[in-house]
Amino acid sequence: MTRALITWGGWMGHEPDKVAEIFRALLTSEGFQVEVYNTLDCFADVDHLKTLDLIVPIWTMSQIDKQLVQNVSEAVSTGTGLAGCHGGMCDTFRDNVLWQFMTGGNWVAHPGGDGVDYSVNLQEHPLNEGLADFSVSSEQYYLHVDPAVEVFATTRFPSVNWLHSTNRPVDMPVAWTKRWGLGRVYYNALGHHADVIDHGTPLEMIRRGMLWAAEGKAEAAGQSIAHLANDANNY
C-alpha cells in the first residue's frame, strides 16, 4: 500500500489543521495509508521515513532540530516524495538552509497582504494537462527560488505598489517540481487559508503534484545515491 505522512503545526493563521485534513482526505481517496501528526518528532525515525512514499509538511515558521531535517533529507534523497504548499513548506524553519535547499524556495514577502487579486498562469506541462489559467484573491507569494526547479505555474508581479514596484515586472513561480537525490519534490505557493485550496484547479494541481512526488518511490527502487554521498553533509 502507498504510504504518506502528514505533520502539521506552527503558525495557526495558515489553518494547518484544516489543510492537513484536506490533504488527508485527498490522499486517502487515492488509496494512501495516511499517518497524521501534530509534532515534528515524527521525523526522528529516519528508517521509518524511508519506508514512506510521501512526506507532507504543514509547518509555517517554527524551529526544528537540525538532525530532523537531515533525516527528512536522507529519506527524500533515497526516494521518498516531499510535497506541500504555501507557508507550510516554503516559509518553514527559516534558520535551516538545508530545508530551503531541499524544498527549492523560500518566502520573503506578500506585498498587499491577504486579499490581493491576481492571476495564476499555467505553462505547458504534463501536470497541467486539461487545466487553464485562473484567478485568486489571497496572498501573492514573492519567493527566492532555486534556479534548478522546473516551474509550471507563475504569477505576475507587481500586482500592488510597494517597494519592489520600481523594478521590472517579473513572473514569480507559483508551482514547481525539483529532484533531491533520487526523490521528487513538489511545491505550490497557494494556500494562505484552507478555502483557497479545497476546491477547483488549486486542489487538482496539488493532487497531481502529490501523486507525482509519491510515484518517485517506485522509480528510485534499486538505485543508489552512493556517488553523491561524499558531499551529502557539506551544504
Foldseek 3Di string as FASTA:
>chain_A
DAEEEEEADADCLLVRVLLSVLVVVLVVVVVYDYHYYDDLCVLVDLVVLLVHLEYEFQHAADADDLVSLLSNLVSQLLFRFYEYEARRQANYNVVHVSSCVVQFKHFDDQPPAFQQKWKKQFADDPLQPPHGIDIDGTGDTDIDGHPQWAAGIWIKPDSDDDPVNVDDIDTGGQWTWDGRNLFIYIYGNDRSYPVRQNDDPNVSSRSSRRVVRSVSNVVSPPPDSVVVPVCSPVD
